[in-house]
Structure formats: structure tokens, C-alpha cells
Amino acid sequence: MTPEVGLDVVGLPRFAALLARNPEFATHYFTAAEQSRCHAQPRPTDAFATVFAVKEALLKALGLGVLDGVALADIDVELGRGDARIQLHGGAAARLGPRTALASWCRDGLRAWAVVVVAV
């Protein structure tokens, strides 16, 4: 099976403005563990944006959109130093099946990039 790749870029100032305007966004689209980890970071909104980019890149690698039956809260992302551990639940786990998802990310102060490769 051919590996599938997903890439996503999130604007950090725009995402910070989204969270400021709509604090419920974090509660709806991030797991409790993600929220806790992001709030523990020196720049929580940058962490939230990066986690969101990883989630979006995963969906793209799976050939899905945000409205294709996978709740973003079923995807738990733990950021490492340039990599990320992805743990899936519910519909997200069913869509991944026996495949493995590997993630990498970076930020430059204005954007967060994430790349996810899904392979057998």
C-alpha cells in the first residue's frame, strides 16, 4: 500500500484571534489532555494551533475533510520536539485501521506546519 501524506499550515495570529473570540472552540475540538498540555506551554495559542495543524494534516492523509465523520476530539495529539504522537479514538481509529500515522511539525512565529504520513 502506498503511503499517504497530508500537509497543513495554520496562521498563528489568526488562530490566536479565533481562540480569543471563541474560547469554546478549544473545548469542542481538543481533548481534555490536549487542552491541559497546550495551556502548560509558554505560548498556549501557538501550541493549540500546532496541534490543530497535525489533526488537519492527518485528516488530509486519510483523504478526509473535517465534516467526513471524524470528530477532531477523537484525535489526541501530543507534541514532541518536532514530532508528534497521535492517539486515535472512535471514528478516527476506525478510519486509520491497522495503519500507522507519523507526524512532524515546525513553527516560525507566524505559522505552524504539520506533515503526517500514513503507512502500513
PDB file of N, CA and C in Angstrom:
ATOM      1  N   MET A   1       0.844  -1.182   0.000  1.00  0.00           N
ATOM      2  CA  MET A   1       0.000   0.000   0.000  1.00  0.00           C
ATOM      3  C   MET A   1       0.893   1.251   0.000  1.00  0.00           C
ATOM      4  N   THR A   2       0.548   2.223  -0.809  1.00  0.00           N
ATOM      5  CA  THR A   2       1.309   3.454  -0.935  1.00  0.00           C
ATOM      6  C   THR A   2       1.068   4.360   0.272  1.00  0.00           C
ATOM      7  N   PRO A   3       2.142   4.910   0.834  1.00  0.00           N
ATOM      8  CA  PRO A   3       1.944   5.856   1.949  1.00  0.00           C
ATOM      9  C   PRO A   3       1.157   7.078   1.482  1.00  0.00           C
ATOM     10  N   GLU A   4       0.329   7.595   2.345  1.00  0.00           N
ATOM     11  CA  GLU A   4      -0.441   8.810   2.068  1.00  0.00           C
ATOM     12  C   GLU A   4       0.136   9.941   2.900  1.00  0.00           C
ATOM     13  N   VAL A   5       0.205  11.149   2.332  1.00  0.00           N
ATOM     14  CA  VAL A   5       0.799  12.289   3.013  1.00  0.00           C
ATOM     15  C   VAL A   5      -0.229  13.411   3.121  1.00  0.00           C
ATOM     16  N   GLY A   6      -0.279  14.036   4.294  1.00  0.00           N
ATOM     17  CA  GLY A   6      -1.122  15.207   4.493  1.00  0.00           C
ATOM     18  C   GLY A   6      -0.278  16.351   5.028  1.00  0.00           C
ATOM     19  N   LEU A   7      -0.546  17.560   4.572  1.00  0.00           N
ATOM     20  CA  LEU A   7       0.183  18.756   4.995  1.00  0.00           C
ATOM     21  C   LEU A   7      -0.830  19.822   5.383  1.00  0.00           C
ATOM     22  N   ASP A   8      -0.562  20.536   6.469  1.00  0.00           N
ATOM     23  CA  ASP A   8      -1.435  21.640   6.844  1.00  0.00           C
ATOM     24  C   ASP A   8      -0.595  22.780   7.398  1.00  0.00           C
ATOM     25  N   VAL A   9      -1.054  24.005   7.155  1.00  0.00           N
ATOM     26  CA  VAL A   9      -0.403  25.216   7.662  1.00  0.00           C
ATOM     27  C   VAL A   9      -1.466  26.049   8.360  1.00  0.00           C
ATOM     28  N   VAL A  10      -1.162  26.509   9.576  1.00  0.00           N
ATOM     29  CA  VAL A  10      -2.096  27.326  10.351  1.00  0.00           C
ATOM     30  C   VAL A  10      -1.406  28.643  10.691  1.00  0.00           C
ATOM     31  N   GLY A  11      -2.074  29.742  10.419  1.00  0.00           N
ATOM     32  CA  GLY A  11      -1.553  31.058  10.787  1.00  0.00           C
ATOM     33  C   GLY A  11      -1.702  31.276  12.285  1.00  0.00           C
ATOM     34  N   LEU A  12      -0.604  31.525  12.975  1.00  0.00           N
ATOM     35  CA  LEU A  12      -0.630  31.656  14.440  1.00  0.00           C
ATOM     36  C   LEU A  12      -1.438  32.867  14.911  1.00  0.00           C
ATOM     37  N   PRO A  13      -1.254  34.068  14.328  1.00  0.00           N
ATOM     38  CA  PRO A  13      -2.069  35.198  14.795  1.00  0.00           C
ATOM     39  C   PRO A  13      -3.561  34.980  14.546  1.00  0.00           C
ATOM     40  N   ARG A  14      -3.880  34.405  13.414  1.00  0.00           N
ATOM     41  CA  ARG A  14      -5.293  34.155  13.092  1.00  0.00           C
ATOM     42  C   ARG A  14      -5.898  33.140  14.057  1.00  0.00           C
ATOM     43  N   PHE A  15      -5.143  32.087  14.394  1.00  0.00           N
ATOM     44  CA  PHE A  15      -5.652  31.071  15.311  1.00  0.00           C
ATOM     45  C   PHE A  15      -5.799  31.650  16.718  1.00  0.00           C
ATOM     46  N   ALA A  16      -4.855  32.497  17.127  1.00  0.00           N
ATOM     47  CA  ALA A  16      -4.953  33.154  18.445  1.00  0.00           C
ATOM     48  C   ALA A  16      -6.208  34.021  18.503  1.00  0.00           C
ATOM     49  N   ALA A  17      -6.503  34.723  17.415  1.00  0.00           N
ATOM     50  CA  ALA A  17      -7.711  35.553  17.368  1.00  0.00           C
ATOM     51  C   ALA A  17      -8.965  34.691  17.435  1.00  0.00           C
ATOM     52  N   LEU A  18      -8.953  33.550  16.755  1.00  0.00           N
ATOM     53  CA  LEU A  18     -10.086  32.620  16.810  1.00  0.00           C
ATOM     54  C   LEU A  18     -10.339  32.160  18.240  1.00  0.00           C
ATOM     55  N   LEU A  19      -9.285  31.765  18.940  1.00  0.00           N
ATOM     56  CA  LEU A  19      -9.439  31.297  20.333  1.00  0.00           C
ATOM     57  C   LEU A  19      -9.905  32.422  21.257  1.00  0.00           C
ATOM     58  N   ALA A  20      -9.445  33.639  21.002  1.00  0.00           N
ATOM     59  CA  ALA A  20      -9.865  34.777  21.829  1.00  0.00           C
ATOM     60  C   ALA A  20     -11.345  35.093  21.609  1.00  0.00           C
ATOM     61  N   ARG A  21     -11.786  35.015  20.352  1.00  0.00           N
ATOM     62  CA  ARG A  21     -13.190  35.285  20.010  1.00  0.00           C
ATOM     63  C   ARG A  21     -14.125  34.175  20.465  1.00  0.00           C
ATOM     64  N   ASN A  22     -13.639  32.944  20.404  1.00  0.00           N
ATOM     65  CA  ASN A  22     -14.489  31.788  20.646  1.00  0.00           C
ATOM     66  C   ASN A  22     -13.763  30.773  21.533  1.00  0.00           C
ATOM     67  N   PRO A  23     -13.704  31.000  22.851  1.00  0.00           N
ATOM     68  CA  PRO A  23     -12.993  30.083  23.747  1.00  0.00           C
ATOM     69  C   PRO A  23     -13.551  28.658  23.736  1.00  0.00           C
ATOM     70  N   GLU A  24     -14.829  28.504  23.369  1.00  0.00           N
ATOM     71  CA  GLU A  24     -15.429  27.168  23.319  1.00  0.00           C
ATOM     72  C   GLU A  24     -14.826  26.312  22.203  1.00  0.00           C
ATOM     73  N   PHE A  25     -14.166  26.954  21.246  1.00  0.00           N
ATOM     74  CA  PHE A  25     -13.536  26.219  20.155  1.00  0.00           C
ATOM     75  C   PHE A  25     -12.582  25.164  20.705  1.00  0.00           C
ATOM     76  N   ALA A  26     -11.764  25.553  21.682  1.00  0.00           N
ATOM     77  CA  ALA A  26     -10.799  24.618  22.270  1.00  0.00           C
ATOM     78  C   ALA A  26     -11.501  23.448  22.944  1.00  0.00           C
ATOM     79  N   THR A  27     -12.585  23.709  23.646  1.00  0.00           N
ATOM     80  CA  THR A  27     -13.312  22.649  24.350  1.00  0.00           C
ATOM     81  C   THR A  27     -13.953  21.678  23.365  1.00  0.00           C
ATOM     82  N   HIS A  28     -14.384  22.192  22.234  1.00  0.00           N
ATOM     83  CA  HIS A  28     -15.093  21.366  21.254  1.00  0.00           C
ATOM     84  C   HIS A  28     -14.157  20.524  20.391  1.00  0.00           C
ATOM     85  N   TYR A  29     -12.999  21.066  20.019  1.00  0.00           N
ATOM     86  CA  TYR A  29     -12.134  20.401  19.040  1.00  0.00           C
ATOM     87  C   TYR A  29     -10.854  19.793  19.609  1.00  0.00           C
ATOM     88  N   PHE A  30     -10.603  19.981  20.897  1.00  0.00           N
ATOM     89  CA  PHE A  30      -9.398  19.439  21.515  1.00  0.00           C
ATOM     90  C   PHE A  30      -9.779  18.570  22.708  1.00  0.00           C
ATOM     91  N   THR A  31      -9.032  17.489  22.910  1.00  0.00           N
ATOM     92  CA  THR A  31      -9.282  16.634  24.069  1.00  0.00           C
ATOM     93  C   THR A  31      -8.884  17.381  25.341  1.00  0.00           C
ATOM     94  N   ALA A  32      -9.370  16.898  26.476  1.00  0.00           N
ATOM     95  CA  ALA A  32      -9.001  17.498  27.760  1.00  0.00           C
ATOM     96  C   ALA A  32      -7.486  17.424  27.968  1.00  0.00           C
ATOM     97  N   ALA A  33      -6.882  16.314  27.565  1.00  0.00           N
ATOM     98  CA  ALA A  33      -5.430  16.162  27.711  1.00  0.00           C
ATOM     99  C   ALA A  33      -4.688  17.176  26.833  1.00  0.00           C
ATOM    100  N   GLU A  34      -5.151  17.376  25.605  1.00  0.00           N
ATOM    101  CA  GLU A  34      -4.521  18.372  24.719  1.00  0.00           C
ATOM    102  C   GLU A  34      -4.641  19.766  25.312  1.00  0.00           C
ATOM    103  N   GLN A  35      -5.820  20.089  25.811  1.00  0.00           N
ATOM    104  CA  GLN A  35      -6.022  21.418  26.409  1.00  0.00           C
ATOM    105  C   GLN A  35      -5.050  21.629  27.562  1.00  0.00           C
ATOM    106  N   SER A  36      -4.916  20.624  28.408  1.00  0.00           N
ATOM    107  CA  SER A  36      -4.007  20.717  29.553  1.00  0.00           C
ATOM    108  C   SER A  36      -2.559  20.902  29.090  1.00  0.00           C
ATOM    109  N   ARG A  37      -2.146  20.098  28.103  1.00  0.00           N
ATOM    110  CA  ARG A  37      -0.764  20.200  27.603  1.00  0.00           C
ATOM    111  C   ARG A  37      -0.519  21.556  26.942  1.00  0.00           C
ATOM    112  N   CYS A  38      -1.481  22.035  26.155  1.00  0.00           N
ATOM    113  CA  CYS A  38      -1.308  23.327  25.471  1.00  0.00           C
ATOM    114  C   CYS A  38      -1.243  24.475  26.475  1.00  0.00           C
ATOM    115  N   HIS A  39      -2.118  24.453  27.475  1.00  0.00           N
ATOM    116  CA  HIS A  39      -2.120  25.519  28.483  1.00  0.00           C
ATOM    117  C   HIS A  39      -0.828  25.523  29.311  1.00  0.00           C
ATOM    118  N   ALA A  40      -0.138  24.386  29.368  1.00  0.00           N
ATOM    119  CA  ALA A  40       1.114  24.298  30.128  1.00  0.00           C
ATOM    120  C   ALA A  40       2.305  24.852  29.343  1.00  0.00           C
ATOM    121  N   GLN A  41       2.120  25.158  28.065  1.00  0.00           N
ATOM    122  CA  GLN A  41       3.205  25.665  27.218  1.00  0.00           C
ATOM    123  C   GLN A  41       3.393  27.168  27.423  1.00  0.00           C
ATOM    124  N   PRO A  42       4.593  27.685  27.167  1.00  0.00           N
ATOM    125  CA  PRO A  42       4.839  29.129  27.295  1.00  0.00           C
ATOM    126  C   PRO A  42       3.935  29.965  26.379  1.00  0.00           C
ATOM    127  N   ARG A  43       3.599  29.439  25.217  1.00  0.00           N
ATOM    128  CA  ARG A  43       2.711  30.128  24.260  1.00  0.00           C
ATOM    129  C   ARG A  43       1.559  29.186  23.921  1.00  0.00           C
ATOM    130  N   PRO A  44       0.548  29.131  24.791  1.00  0.00           N
ATOM    131  CA  PRO A  44      -0.539  28.161  24.611  1.00  0.00           C
ATOM    132  C   PRO A  44      -1.234  28.243  23.253  1.00  0.00           C
ATOM    133  N   THR A  45      -1.487  29.453  22.759  1.00  0.00           N
ATOM    134  CA  THR A  45      -2.208  29.539  21.482  1.00  0.00           C
ATOM    135  C   THR A  45      -1.378  28.971  20.328  1.00  0.00           C
ATOM    136  N   ASP A  46      -0.054  29.113  20.384  1.00  0.00           N
ATOM    137  CA  ASP A  46       0.798  28.509  19.360  1.00  0.00           C
ATOM    138  C   ASP A  46       0.733  26.986  19.447  1.00  0.00           C
ATOM    139  N   ALA A  47       0.693  26.462  20.662  1.00  0.00           N
ATOM    140  CA  ALA A  47       0.586  25.010  20.840  1.00  0.00           C
ATOM    141  C   ALA A  47      -0.754  24.507  20.298  1.00  0.00           C
ATOM    142  N   PHE A  48      -1.846  25.214  20.617  1.00  0.00           N
ATOM    143  CA  PHE A  48      -3.157  24.826  20.089  1.00  0.00           C
ATOM    144  C   PHE A  48      -3.143  24.822  18.561  1.00  0.00           C
ATOM    145  N   ALA A  49      -2.568  25.857  17.959  1.00  0.00           N
ATOM    146  CA  ALA A  49      -2.512  25.953  16.502  1.00  0.00           C
ATOM    147  C   ALA A  49      -1.719  24.799  15.895  1.00  0.00           C
ATOM    148  N   THR A  50      -0.627  24.426  16.544  1.00  0.00           N
ATOM    149  CA  THR A  50       0.209  23.337  16.034  1.00  0.00           C
ATOM    150  C   THR A  50      -0.514  22.009  16.134  1.00  0.00           C
ATOM    151  N   VAL A  51      -1.168  21.769  17.253  1.00  0.00           N
ATOM    152  CA  VAL A  51      -1.947  20.535  17.419  1.00  0.00           C
ATOM    153  C   VAL A  51      -3.047  20.481  16.353  1.00  0.00           C
ATOM    154  N   PHE A  52      -3.713  21.612  16.122  1.00  0.00           N
ATOM    155  CA  PHE A  52      -4.759  21.668  15.108  1.00  0.00           C
ATOM    156  C   PHE A  52      -4.188  21.342  13.729  1.00  0.00           C
ATOM    157  N   ALA A  53      -3.007  21.866  13.414  1.00  0.00           N
ATOM    158  CA  ALA A  53      -2.370  21.586  12.123  1.00  0.00           C
ATOM    159  C   ALA A  53      -2.081  20.093  11.965  1.00  0.00           C
ATOM    160  N   VAL A  54      -1.627  19.439  13.038  1.00  0.00           N
ATOM    161  CA  VAL A  54      -1.370  17.996  12.976  1.00  0.00           C
ATOM    162  C   VAL A  54      -2.678  17.249  12.709  1.00  0.00           C
ATOM    163  N   LYS A  55      -3.754  17.631  13.396  1.00  0.00           N
ATOM    164  CA  LYS A  55      -5.047  16.974  13.192  1.00  0.00           C
ATOM    165  C   LYS A  55      -5.511  17.129  11.742  1.00  0.00           C
ATOM    166  N   GLU A  56      -5.408  18.339  11.210  1.00  0.00           N
ATOM    167  CA  GLU A  56      -5.826  18.602   9.832  1.00  0.00           C
ATOM    168  C   GLU A  56      -4.958  17.828   8.840  1.00  0.00           C
ATOM    169  N   ALA A  57      -3.649  17.769   9.080  1.00  0.00           N
ATOM    170  CA  ALA A  57      -2.754  17.020   8.198  1.00  0.00           C
ATOM    171  C   ALA A  57      -3.103  15.531   8.224  1.00  0.00           C
ATOM    172  N   LEU A  58      -3.459  15.011   9.390  1.00  0.00           N
ATOM    173  CA  LEU A  58      -3.870  13.608   9.487  1.00  0.00           C
ATOM    174  C   LEU A  58      -5.121  13.360   8.653  1.00  0.00           C
ATOM    175  N   LEU A  59      -6.117  14.223   8.794  1.00  0.00           N
ATOM    176  CA  LEU A  59      -7.340  14.058   8.006  1.00  0.00           C
ATOM    177  C   LEU A  59      -7.041  14.075   6.512  1.00  0.00           C
ATOM    178  N   LYS A  60      -6.158  14.969   6.092  1.00  0.00           N
ATOM    179  CA  LYS A  60      -5.799  15.043   4.672  1.00  0.00           C
ATOM    180  C   LYS A  60      -5.091  13.763   4.224  1.00  0.00           C
ATOM    181  N   ALA A  61      -4.206  13.228   5.055  1.00  0.00           N
ATOM    182  CA  ALA A  61      -3.516  11.982   4.715  1.00  0.00           C
ATOM    183  C   ALA A  61      -4.502  10.821   4.598  1.00  0.00           C
ATOM    184  N   LEU A  62      -5.583  10.872   5.377  1.00  0.00           N
ATOM    185  CA  LEU A  62      -6.617   9.840   5.310  1.00  0.00           C
ATOM    186  C   LEU A  62      -7.620  10.111   4.188  1.00  0.00           C
ATOM    187  N   GLY A  63      -7.463  11.230   3.492  1.00  0.00           N
ATOM    188  CA  GLY A  63      -8.381  11.583   2.415  1.00  0.00           C
ATOM    189  C   GLY A  63      -9.726  12.080   2.911  1.00  0.00           C
ATOM    190  N   LEU A  64      -9.736  12.673   4.104  1.00  0.00           N
ATOM    191  CA  LEU A  64     -10.974  13.129   4.728  1.00  0.00           C
ATOM    192  C   LEU A  64     -10.967  14.639   4.936  1.00  0.00           C
ATOM    193  N   GLY A  65     -12.152  15.190   5.095  1.00  0.00           N
ATOM    194  CA  GLY A  65     -12.308  16.587   5.490  1.00  0.00           C
ATOM    195  C   GLY A  65     -12.862  16.637   6.898  1.00  0.00           C
ATOM    196  N   VAL A  66     -12.974  17.830   7.450  1.00  0.00           N
ATOM    197  CA  VAL A  66     -13.456  17.970   8.831  1.00  0.00           C
ATOM    198  C   VAL A  66     -14.894  17.507   9.001  1.00  0.00           C
ATOM    199  N   LEU A  67     -15.653  17.468   7.948  1.00  0.00           N
ATOM    200  CA  LEU A  67     -17.061  17.085   8.058  1.00  0.00           C
ATOM    201  C   LEU A  67     -17.321  15.659   7.579  1.00  0.00           C
ATOM    202  N   ASP A  68     -16.265  14.840   7.473  1.00  0.00           N
ATOM    203  CA  ASP A  68     -16.411  13.488   6.948  1.00  0.00           C
ATOM    204  C   ASP A  68     -16.541  12.412   8.023  1.00  0.00           C
ATOM    205  N   GLY A  69     -17.153  12.743   9.135  1.00  0.00           N
ATOM    206  CA  GLY A  69     -17.466  11.725  10.134  1.00  0.00           C
ATOM    207  C   GLY A  69     -16.385  11.421  11.148  1.00  0.00           C
ATOM    208  N   VAL A  70     -15.324  12.197  11.181  1.00  0.00           N
ATOM    209  CA  VAL A  70     -14.283  12.014  12.193  1.00  0.00           C
ATOM    210  C   VAL A  70     -14.263  13.261  13.068  1.00  0.00           C
ATOM    211  N   ALA A  71     -14.568  13.099  14.336  1.00  0.00           N
ATOM    212  CA  ALA A  71     -14.547  14.231  15.262  1.00  0.00           C
ATOM    213  C   ALA A  71     -13.097  14.570  15.607  1.00  0.00           C
ATOM    214  N   LEU A  72     -12.748  15.850  15.546  1.00  0.00           N
ATOM    215  CA  LEU A  72     -11.382  16.249  15.895  1.00  0.00           C
ATOM    216  C   LEU A  72     -11.044  15.878  17.332  1.00  0.00           C
ATOM    217  N   ALA A  73     -12.043  15.806  18.193  1.00  0.00           N
ATOM    218  CA  ALA A  73     -11.801  15.415  19.587  1.00  0.00           C
ATOM    219  C   ALA A  73     -11.480  13.920  19.709  1.00  0.00           C
ATOM    220  N   ASP A  74     -11.657  13.142  18.630  1.00  0.00           N
ATOM    221  CA  ASP A  74     -11.260  11.729  18.623  1.00  0.00           C
ATOM    222  C   ASP A  74      -9.792  11.555  18.257  1.00  0.00           C
ATOM    223  N   ILE A  75      -9.130  12.663  17.954  1.00  0.00           N
ATOM    224  CA  ILE A  75      -7.707  12.650  17.605  1.00  0.00           C
ATOM    225  C   ILE A  75      -6.962  13.373  18.723  1.00  0.00           C
ATOM    226  N   ASP A  76      -6.097  12.658  19.427  1.00  0.00           N
ATOM    227  CA  ASP A  76      -5.319  13.268  20.513  1.00  0.00           C
ATOM    228  C   ASP A  76      -3.868  13.386  20.058  1.00  0.00           C
ATOM    229  N   VAL A  77      -3.368  14.607  20.047  1.00  0.00           N
ATOM    230  CA  VAL A  77      -2.012  14.886  19.570  1.00  0.00           C
ATOM    231  C   VAL A  77      -1.161  15.375  20.740  1.00  0.00           C
ATOM    232  N   GLU A  78      -0.016  14.751  20.910  1.00  0.00           N
ATOM    233  CA  GLU A  78       0.950  15.196  21.912  1.00  0.00           C
ATOM    234  C   GLU A  78       2.216  15.634  21.179  1.00  0.00           C
ATOM    235  N   LEU A  79       2.511  16.921  21.255  1.00  0.00           N
ATOM    236  CA  LEU A  79       3.665  17.464  20.552  1.00  0.00           C
ATOM    237  C   LEU A  79       4.961  17.073  21.240  1.00  0.00           C
ATOM    238  N   GLY A  80       5.924  16.633  20.432  1.00  0.00           N
ATOM    239  CA  GLY A  80       7.278  16.397  20.905  1.00  0.00           C
ATOM    240  C   GLY A  80       8.161  17.497  20.358  1.00  0.00           C
ATOM    241  N   ARG A  81       9.430  17.246  20.266  1.00  0.00           N
ATOM    242  CA  ARG A  81      10.372  18.229  19.699  1.00  0.00           C
ATOM    243  C   ARG A  81      10.452  18.027  18.184  1.00  0.00           C
ATOM    244  N   GLY A  82       9.475  18.578  17.486  1.00  0.00           N
ATOM    245  CA  GLY A  82       9.445  18.451  16.037  1.00  0.00           C
ATOM    246  C   GLY A  82       8.651  17.263  15.533  1.00  0.00           C
ATOM    247  N   ASP A  83       8.262  16.378  16.431  1.00  0.00           N
ATOM    248  CA  ASP A  83       7.409  15.263  16.052  1.00  0.00           C
ATOM    249  C   ASP A  83       6.155  15.309  16.917  1.00  0.00           C
ATOM    250  N   ALA A  84       5.245  14.406  16.670  1.00  0.00           N
ATOM    251  CA  ALA A  84       4.021  14.369  17.463  1.00  0.00           C
ATOM    252  C   ALA A  84       3.544  12.928  17.583  1.00  0.00           C
ATOM    253  N   ARG A  85       3.030  12.600  18.752  1.00  0.00           N
ATOM    254  CA  ARG A  85       2.410  11.299  18.972  1.00  0.00           C
ATOM    255  C   ARG A  85       0.918  11.485  18.744  1.00  0.00           C
ATOM    256  N   ILE A  86       0.337  10.628  17.908  1.00  0.00           N
ATOM    257  CA  ILE A  86      -1.086  10.715  17.597  1.00  0.00           C
ATOM    258  C   ILE A  86      -1.781   9.482  18.156  1.00  0.00           C
ATOM    259  N   GLN A  87      -2.798   9.710  18.951  1.00  0.00           N
ATOM    260  CA  GLN A  87      -3.610   8.627  19.508  1.00  0.00           C
ATOM    261  C   GLN A  87      -5.045   8.838  19.034  1.00  0.00           C
ATOM    262  N   LEU A  88      -5.630   7.800  18.460  1.00  0.00           N
ATOM    263  CA  LEU A  88      -6.957   7.928  17.871  1.00  0.00           C
ATOM    264  C   LEU A  88      -7.999   7.138  18.645  1.00  0.00           C
ATOM    265  N   HIS A  89      -9.221   7.657  18.638  1.00  0.00           N
ATOM    266  CA  HIS A  89     -10.355   7.028  19.293  1.00  0.00           C
ATOM    267  C   HIS A  89     -11.544   7.081  18.333  1.00  0.00           C
ATOM    268  N   GLY A  90     -12.570   6.317  18.612  1.00  0.00           N
ATOM    269  CA  GLY A  90     -13.825   6.393  17.865  1.00  0.00           C
ATOM    270  C   GLY A  90     -13.652   6.255  16.367  1.00  0.00           C
ATOM    271  N   GLY A  91     -14.337   7.155  15.639  1.00  0.00           N
ATOM    272  CA  GLY A  91     -14.326   7.121  14.176  1.00  0.00           C
ATOM    273  C   GLY A  91     -12.943   7.321  13.584  1.00  0.00           C
ATOM    274  N   ALA A  92     -12.111   8.086  14.249  1.00  0.00           N
ATOM    275  CA  ALA A  92     -10.751   8.322  13.744  1.00  0.00           C
ATOM    276  C   ALA A  92      -9.945   7.023  13.757  1.00  0.00           C
ATOM    277  N   ALA A  93     -10.063   6.243  14.832  1.00  0.00           N
ATOM    278  CA  ALA A  93      -9.345   4.971  14.926  1.00  0.00           C
ATOM    279  C   ALA A  93      -9.853   4.000  13.862  1.00  0.00           C
ATOM    280  N   ALA A  94     -11.154   4.005  13.627  1.00  0.00           N
ATOM    281  CA  ALA A  94     -11.731   3.122  12.619  1.00  0.00           C
ATOM    282  C   ALA A  94     -11.215   3.479  11.224  1.00  0.00           C
ATOM    283  N   ARG A  95     -11.069   4.764  10.933  1.00  0.00           N
ATOM    284  CA  ARG A  95     -10.596   5.195   9.609  1.00  0.00           C
ATOM    285  C   ARG A  95      -9.125   4.856   9.397  1.00  0.00           C
ATOM    286  N   LEU A  96      -8.312   4.927  10.453  1.00  0.00           N
ATOM    287  CA  LEU A  96      -6.890   4.614  10.311  1.00  0.00           C
ATOM    288  C   LEU A  96      -6.689   3.117  10.169  1.00  0.00           C
ATOM    289  N   GLY A  97      -7.476   2.327  10.900  1.00  0.00           N
ATOM    290  CA  GLY A  97      -7.344   0.878  10.835  1.00  0.00           C
ATOM    291  C   GLY A  97      -5.980   0.426  11.302  1.00  0.00           C
ATOM    292  N   PRO A  98      -5.399  -0.570  10.611  1.00  0.00           N
ATOM    293  CA  PRO A  98      -4.109  -1.117  11.052  1.00  0.00           C
ATOM    294  C   PRO A  98      -2.904  -0.279  10.630  1.00  0.00           C
ATOM    295  N   ARG A  99      -3.139   0.842   9.972  1.00  0.00           N
ATOM    296  CA  ARG A  99      -2.026   1.670   9.500  1.00  0.00           C
ATOM    297  C   ARG A  99      -1.427   2.487  10.644  1.00  0.00           C
ATOM    298  N   THR A 100      -0.263   3.045  10.387  1.00  0.00           N
ATOM    299  CA  THR A 100       0.446   3.883  11.348  1.00  0.00           C
ATOM    300  C   THR A 100       0.500   5.313  10.827  1.00  0.00           C
ATOM    301  N   ALA A 101       0.352   6.276  11.734  1.00  0.00           N
ATOM    302  CA  ALA A 101       0.458   7.691  11.368  1.00  0.00           C
ATOM    303  C   ALA A 101       1.687   8.285  12.043  1.00  0.00           C
ATOM    304  N   LEU A 102       2.560   8.881  11.247  1.00  0.00           N
ATOM    305  CA  LEU A 102       3.768   9.541  11.742  1.00  0.00           C
ATOM    306  C   LEU A 102       3.650  11.030  11.447  1.00  0.00           C
ATOM    307  N   ALA A 103       3.994  11.863  12.422  1.00  0.00           N
ATOM    308  CA  ALA A 103       3.811  13.306  12.259  1.00  0.00           C
ATOM    309  C   ALA A 103       5.089  14.077  12.560  1.00  0.00           C
ATOM    310  N   SER A 104       5.242  15.179  11.839  1.00  0.00           N
ATOM    311  CA  SER A 104       6.328  16.128  12.071  1.00  0.00           C
ATOM    312  C   SER A 104       5.731  17.526  11.997  1.00  0.00           C
ATOM    313  N   TRP A 105       6.291  18.462  12.766  1.00  0.00           N
ATOM    314  CA  TRP A 105       5.756  19.828  12.773  1.00  0.00           C
ATOM    315  C   TRP A 105       6.882  20.832  12.994  1.00  0.00           C
ATOM    316  N   CYS A 106       6.601  22.093  12.655  1.00  0.00           N
ATOM    317  CA  CYS A 106       7.508  23.192  12.968  1.00  0.00           C
ATOM    318  C   CYS A 106       6.711  24.496  12.997  1.00  0.00           C
ATOM    319  N   ARG A 107       7.291  25.515  13.622  1.00  0.00           N
ATOM    320  CA  ARG A 107       6.683  26.854  13.695  1.00  0.00           C
ATOM    321  C   ARG A 107       7.763  27.881  13.425  1.00  0.00           C
ATOM    322  N   ASP A 108       7.329  29.051  12.905  1.00  0.00           N
ATOM    323  CA  ASP A 108       8.287  30.122  12.648  1.00  0.00           C
ATOM    324  C   ASP A 108       7.893  31.442  13.296  1.00  0.00           C
ATOM    325  N   GLY A 109       6.901  31.435  14.163  1.00  0.00           N
ATOM    326  CA  GLY A 109       6.437  32.669  14.786  1.00  0.00           C
ATOM    327  C   GLY A 109       5.194  33.223  14.117  1.00  0.00           C
ATOM    328  N   LEU A 110       4.989  32.869  12.851  1.00  0.00           N
ATOM    329  CA  LEU A 110       3.793  33.305  12.124  1.00  0.00           C
ATOM    330  C   LEU A 110       2.890  32.142  11.724  1.00  0.00           C
ATOM    331  N   ARG A 111       3.494  30.967  11.534  1.00  0.00           N
ATOM    332  CA  ARG A 111       2.748  29.806  11.062  1.00  0.00           C
ATOM    333  C   ARG A 111       3.198  28.543  11.783  1.00  0.00           C
ATOM    334  N   ALA A 112       2.275  27.583  11.815  1.00  0.00           N
ATOM    335  CA  ALA A 112       2.599  26.225  12.279  1.00  0.00           C
ATOM    336  C   ALA A 112       2.360  25.297  11.095  1.00  0.00           C
ATOM    337  N   TRP A 113       3.354  24.465  10.769  1.00  0.00           N
ATOM    338  CA  TRP A 113       3.235  23.491   9.693  1.00  0.00           C
ATOM    339  C   TRP A 113       3.203  22.106  10.315  1.00  0.00           C
ATOM    340  N   ALA A 114       2.439  21.223   9.699  1.00  0.00           N
ATOM    341  CA  ALA A 114       2.436  19.826  10.115  1.00  0.00           C
ATOM    342  C   ALA A 114       2.371  18.943   8.873  1.00  0.00           C
ATOM    343  N   VAL A 115       3.112  17.850   8.926  1.00  0.00           N
ATOM    344  CA  VAL A 115       3.083  16.833   7.878  1.00  0.00           C
ATOM    345  C   VAL A 115       2.819  15.504   8.571  1.00  0.00           C
ATOM    346  N   VAL A 116       1.858  14.763   8.019  1.00  0.00           N
ATOM    347  CA  VAL A 116       1.544  13.428   8.536  1.00  0.00           C
ATOM    348  C   VAL A 116       1.644  12.438   7.398  1.00  0.00           C
ATOM    349  N   VAL A 117       2.327  11.308   7.665  1.00  0.00           N
ATOM    350  CA  VAL A 117       2.422  10.217   6.717  1.00  0.00           C
ATOM    351  C   VAL A 117       1.686   9.026   7.317  1.00  0.00           C
ATOM    352  N   VAL A 118       0.760   8.476   6.544  1.00  0.00           N
ATOM    353  CA  VAL A 118       0.013   7.291   6.969  1.00  0.00           C
ATOM    354  C   VAL A 118       0.486   6.131   6.109  1.00  0.00           C
ATOM    355  N   ALA A 119       0.967   5.069   6.758  1.00  0.00           N
ATOM    356  CA  ALA A 119       1.510   3.909   6.032  1.00  0.00           C
ATOM    357  C   ALA A 119       1.153   2.626   6.779  1.00  0.00           C
ATOM    358  N   VAL A 120       1.302   1.518   6.060  1.00  0.00           N
ATOM    359  CA  VAL A 120       1.042   0.200   6.661  1.00  0.00           C
ATOM    360  C   VAL A 120       2.187  -0.147   7.576  1.00  0.00           C
TER     361      VAL A 120
END
